[in-house]
């Protein structure tokens, strides 16, 4: 059972279920990025551009890993 405060006329039960499943996929992807395959952390970078570059490369790596499955 999934409970939401969104009115029925704005979002159907199936849409609520689908968005919940999407949330699980996002959480799985972040977990995969942080541990195991990609290991985004620890990040010992001080400059913002370098940190953003590191995360960008990690996101590309995640995309490639998902395509190869």
N, C-alpha and C. Protein backbone atom coordinates (compact mmCIF):
# COMPACT_ATOMS: atom_id res chain seq x y z
N UNK A 1 0.84 -1.17 0.00
CA UNK A 1 0.00 0.00 0.00
C UNK A 1 0.88 1.23 0.00
N UNK A 2 0.58 2.15 -0.87
CA UNK A 2 1.30 3.40 -0.97
C UNK A 2 0.31 4.53 -0.67
N UNK A 3 0.71 5.40 0.24
CA UNK A 3 -0.17 6.51 0.63
C UNK A 3 0.43 7.82 0.14
N UNK A 4 -0.43 8.69 -0.37
CA UNK A 4 0.01 10.00 -0.83
C UNK A 4 -1.04 11.04 -0.47
N UNK A 5 -0.60 12.30 -0.44
CA UNK A 5 -1.53 13.38 -0.17
C UNK A 5 -1.97 14.09 -1.45
N UNK A 6 -1.60 13.54 -2.60
CA UNK A 6 -2.00 14.11 -3.89
C UNK A 6 -3.44 13.69 -4.17
N UNK A 7 -4.30 14.63 -4.54
CA UNK A 7 -5.71 14.29 -4.82
C UNK A 7 -5.83 13.31 -6.00
N UNK A 8 -6.88 12.51 -5.96
CA UNK A 8 -7.12 11.51 -7.01
C UNK A 8 -7.29 12.12 -8.39
N UNK A 9 -7.86 13.32 -8.44
CA UNK A 9 -8.07 13.94 -9.75
C UNK A 9 -6.78 14.47 -10.38
N UNK A 10 -5.72 14.56 -9.60
CA UNK A 10 -4.43 15.03 -10.12
C UNK A 10 -3.49 13.88 -10.49
N UNK A 11 -3.63 12.75 -9.81
CA UNK A 11 -2.70 11.63 -10.03
C UNK A 11 -3.43 10.32 -9.76
N UNK A 12 -3.43 9.44 -10.73
CA UNK A 12 -4.12 8.16 -10.56
C UNK A 12 -3.29 7.22 -9.67
N UNK A 13 -3.93 6.16 -9.21
CA UNK A 13 -3.24 5.17 -8.38
C UNK A 13 -2.07 4.55 -9.13
N UNK A 14 -2.26 4.29 -10.42
CA UNK A 14 -1.18 3.71 -11.22
C UNK A 14 -0.01 4.68 -11.34
N UNK A 15 -0.30 5.96 -11.51
CA UNK A 15 0.77 6.97 -11.60
C UNK A 15 1.54 7.07 -10.29
N UNK A 16 0.83 7.01 -9.16
CA UNK A 16 1.50 7.03 -7.85
C UNK A 16 2.44 5.83 -7.74
N UNK A 17 1.96 4.68 -8.13
CA UNK A 17 2.77 3.46 -8.09
C UNK A 17 4.00 3.59 -9.00
N UNK A 18 3.81 4.12 -10.20
CA UNK A 18 4.92 4.28 -11.14
C UNK A 18 5.97 5.25 -10.63
N UNK A 19 5.53 6.37 -10.02
CA UNK A 19 6.49 7.33 -9.48
C UNK A 19 7.27 6.72 -8.31
N UNK A 20 6.61 5.91 -7.51
CA UNK A 20 7.28 5.24 -6.39
C UNK A 20 8.35 4.28 -6.92
N UNK A 21 8.03 3.56 -7.98
CA UNK A 21 9.01 2.66 -8.59
C UNK A 21 10.19 3.44 -9.16
N UNK A 22 9.91 4.62 -9.75
CA UNK A 22 10.98 5.47 -10.26
C UNK A 22 11.91 5.91 -9.13
N UNK A 23 11.33 6.24 -7.98
CA UNK A 23 12.13 6.63 -6.82
C UNK A 23 13.06 5.49 -6.40
N UNK A 24 12.57 4.27 -6.42
CA UNK A 24 13.42 3.12 -6.09
C UNK A 24 14.59 3.00 -7.05
N UNK A 25 14.36 3.27 -8.33
CA UNK A 25 15.43 3.20 -9.33
C UNK A 25 16.49 4.27 -9.06
N UNK A 26 16.05 5.46 -8.72
CA UNK A 26 16.99 6.55 -8.42
C UNK A 26 17.82 6.19 -7.19
N UNK A 27 17.19 5.70 -6.15
CA UNK A 27 17.91 5.31 -4.94
C UNK A 27 18.90 4.18 -5.23
N UNK A 28 18.50 3.22 -6.06
CA UNK A 28 19.40 2.13 -6.44
C UNK A 28 20.62 2.67 -7.18
N UNK A 29 20.39 3.61 -8.09
CA UNK A 29 21.49 4.19 -8.85
C UNK A 29 22.46 4.94 -7.96
N UNK A 30 21.96 5.73 -7.03
CA UNK A 30 22.85 6.44 -6.12
C UNK A 30 23.63 5.46 -5.24
N UNK A 31 22.98 4.41 -4.79
CA UNK A 31 23.67 3.39 -3.99
C UNK A 31 24.78 2.73 -4.81
N UNK A 32 24.51 2.46 -6.07
CA UNK A 32 25.50 1.85 -6.95
C UNK A 32 26.66 2.81 -7.21
N UNK A 33 26.35 4.11 -7.31
CA UNK A 33 27.40 5.09 -7.53
C UNK A 33 28.30 5.23 -6.30
N UNK A 34 27.72 5.16 -5.12
CA UNK A 34 28.49 5.39 -3.91
C UNK A 34 29.33 4.18 -3.51
N UNK A 35 28.83 3.00 -3.73
CA UNK A 35 29.54 1.79 -3.31
C UNK A 35 29.60 0.82 -4.48
N UNK A 36 30.44 -0.14 -4.36
CA UNK A 36 30.48 -1.19 -5.36
C UNK A 36 31.10 -0.75 -6.66
N UNK A 37 30.28 -0.64 -7.69
CA UNK A 37 30.76 -0.44 -9.05
C UNK A 37 31.55 0.85 -9.25
N UNK A 38 31.01 1.98 -8.82
CA UNK A 38 31.61 3.26 -9.20
C UNK A 38 32.36 3.98 -8.09
N UNK A 39 31.98 3.78 -6.86
CA UNK A 39 32.65 4.37 -5.70
C UNK A 39 32.91 5.87 -5.87
N UNK A 40 31.84 6.66 -5.92
CA UNK A 40 31.94 8.11 -6.07
C UNK A 40 32.66 8.73 -4.88
N UNK A 41 32.47 8.20 -3.72
CA UNK A 41 33.10 8.78 -2.55
C UNK A 41 34.29 7.95 -2.11
N UNK A 42 35.19 8.37 -1.36
CA UNK A 42 35.31 9.75 -0.86
C UNK A 42 35.87 10.68 -1.94
N UNK A 43 35.41 11.91 -1.88
CA UNK A 43 35.89 12.92 -2.82
C UNK A 43 36.76 13.89 -2.03
N UNK A 44 38.03 13.94 -2.40
CA UNK A 44 38.97 14.83 -1.73
C UNK A 44 39.34 15.97 -2.67
N UNK A 45 38.35 16.62 -3.20
CA UNK A 45 38.57 17.74 -4.11
C UNK A 45 38.09 19.00 -3.44
N UNK A 46 38.81 20.08 -3.64
CA UNK A 46 38.45 21.33 -2.98
C UNK A 46 37.78 22.31 -3.93
N UNK A 47 38.10 22.22 -5.19
CA UNK A 47 37.53 23.16 -6.15
C UNK A 47 36.20 22.63 -6.68
N UNK A 48 35.23 23.52 -6.77
CA UNK A 48 33.89 23.16 -7.20
C UNK A 48 33.89 22.50 -8.58
N UNK A 49 34.64 23.04 -9.52
CA UNK A 49 34.66 22.51 -10.89
C UNK A 49 35.18 21.08 -10.91
N UNK A 50 36.15 20.77 -10.08
CA UNK A 50 36.69 19.41 -10.04
C UNK A 50 35.70 18.44 -9.42
N UNK A 51 35.01 18.87 -8.38
CA UNK A 51 33.98 18.03 -7.77
C UNK A 51 32.85 17.77 -8.76
N UNK A 52 32.41 18.81 -9.46
CA UNK A 52 31.35 18.64 -10.46
C UNK A 52 31.81 17.72 -11.58
N UNK A 53 33.07 17.86 -11.99
CA UNK A 53 33.61 16.99 -13.03
C UNK A 53 33.63 15.53 -12.59
N UNK A 54 34.01 15.30 -11.35
CA UNK A 54 34.05 13.93 -10.81
C UNK A 54 32.66 13.31 -10.80
N UNK A 55 31.68 14.06 -10.34
CA UNK A 55 30.31 13.54 -10.30
C UNK A 55 29.77 13.35 -11.72
N UNK A 56 30.11 14.25 -12.64
CA UNK A 56 29.67 14.12 -14.02
C UNK A 56 30.21 12.83 -14.64
N UNK A 57 31.48 12.57 -14.45
CA UNK A 57 32.08 11.34 -14.97
C UNK A 57 31.44 10.11 -14.32
N UNK A 58 31.12 10.20 -13.05
CA UNK A 58 30.46 9.08 -12.37
C UNK A 58 29.07 8.83 -12.95
N UNK A 59 28.35 9.91 -13.28
CA UNK A 59 27.02 9.75 -13.87
C UNK A 59 27.13 9.12 -15.26
N UNK A 60 28.12 9.52 -16.05
CA UNK A 60 28.34 8.90 -17.36
C UNK A 60 28.68 7.43 -17.18
N UNK A 61 29.50 7.11 -16.20
CA UNK A 61 29.86 5.71 -15.93
C UNK A 61 28.64 4.89 -15.55
N UNK A 62 27.77 5.47 -14.75
CA UNK A 62 26.54 4.79 -14.36
C UNK A 62 25.67 4.51 -15.58
N UNK A 63 25.57 5.49 -16.45
CA UNK A 63 24.78 5.33 -17.68
C UNK A 63 25.37 4.20 -18.54
N UNK A 64 26.67 4.16 -18.69
CA UNK A 64 27.31 3.10 -19.47
C UNK A 64 27.12 1.74 -18.82
N UNK A 65 27.21 1.69 -17.51
CA UNK A 65 27.02 0.43 -16.80
C UNK A 65 25.59 -0.08 -16.97
N UNK A 66 24.62 0.82 -16.96
CA UNK A 66 23.22 0.42 -17.15
C UNK A 66 22.96 -0.06 -18.57
N UNK A 67 23.65 0.55 -19.55
CA UNK A 67 23.48 0.14 -20.94
C UNK A 67 24.08 -1.24 -21.21
N UNK A 68 25.14 -1.57 -20.48
CA UNK A 68 25.80 -2.86 -20.71
C UNK A 68 25.07 -4.03 -20.05
N UNK A 69 24.13 -3.74 -19.15
CA UNK A 69 23.38 -4.82 -18.48
C UNK A 69 22.38 -5.47 -19.38
